[in-house]
Protein backbone atom coordinates (compact mmCIF):
# COMPACT_ATOMS: atom_id res chain seq x y z
CA MET A 1 0.08 -0.10 0.15
CA ALA A 2 1.36 3.45 -0.68
CA PRO A 3 1.63 5.97 2.12
CA SER A 4 -1.32 7.89 1.03
CA CYS A 5 -3.38 4.52 1.13
CA LEU A 6 -2.97 4.47 4.90
CA GLY A 7 -4.17 8.16 5.83
CA TYR A 8 -0.60 10.02 5.52
CA GLY A 9 0.04 13.14 3.30
CA PRO A 10 2.86 13.90 1.26
CA TYR A 11 4.60 15.86 3.17
CA THR A 12 5.11 12.88 6.03
CA PHE A 13 8.28 11.97 5.07
CA ALA A 14 9.89 15.50 5.43
CA LEU A 15 8.25 15.90 8.51
CA THR A 16 9.69 12.70 10.26
CA ARG A 17 13.00 13.73 9.06
CA THR A 18 12.88 17.15 10.19
CA GLU A 19 14.66 16.06 13.62
CA GLU A 20 17.52 14.98 11.65
CA LEU A 21 17.99 18.53 9.43
CA PHE A 22 18.74 20.12 12.80
CA THR A 23 21.62 17.96 14.26
CA PRO A 24 24.60 19.39 12.41
CA GLU A 25 23.38 22.66 13.82
CA ARG A 26 23.16 21.71 17.33
CA THR A 27 26.38 19.68 16.86
CA ALA A 28 27.95 23.08 15.68
CA ARG A 29 26.35 25.07 18.38
CA ARG A 30 27.26 22.64 21.26
CA GLN A 31 30.98 22.88 19.85
CA ALA A 32 30.90 26.66 19.91
CA GLU A 33 29.58 26.94 22.79
CA ALA A 34 32.52 24.45 24.50
CA ASP A 35 34.95 26.27 22.60
CA LEU A 36 33.85 29.96 23.87
CA THR A 37 33.77 28.25 27.68
CA TRP A 38 37.45 27.10 26.75
CA LEU A 39 38.16 30.80 25.71
CA ARG A 40 37.04 31.88 28.73
CA SER A 41 38.27 29.96 30.99
CA THR A 42 42.08 30.48 29.34
CA TRP A 43 41.55 34.51 28.84
CA ASN A 44 40.76 35.27 32.53
CA ALA A 45 43.86 32.62 33.28
CA LEU A 46 46.19 34.75 31.67
CA PRO A 47 48.60 36.86 33.29
CA ALA A 48 47.82 40.70 33.19
CA GLU A 49 50.19 42.68 31.45
CA SER A 50 52.18 45.57 32.85
CA CYS A 51 51.88 49.02 30.81
């Protein structure tokens, strides 16, 4: 039976795959947040330069 015969519309595939579309963005955001956390901790640990 075709999906339309089961009561599913033509957009079912797109809706069920939506989560997978955002996975790369979530991964990139988590990495960016981890990088920013590291940068802040490193920046604060640097000795202050005297002028």
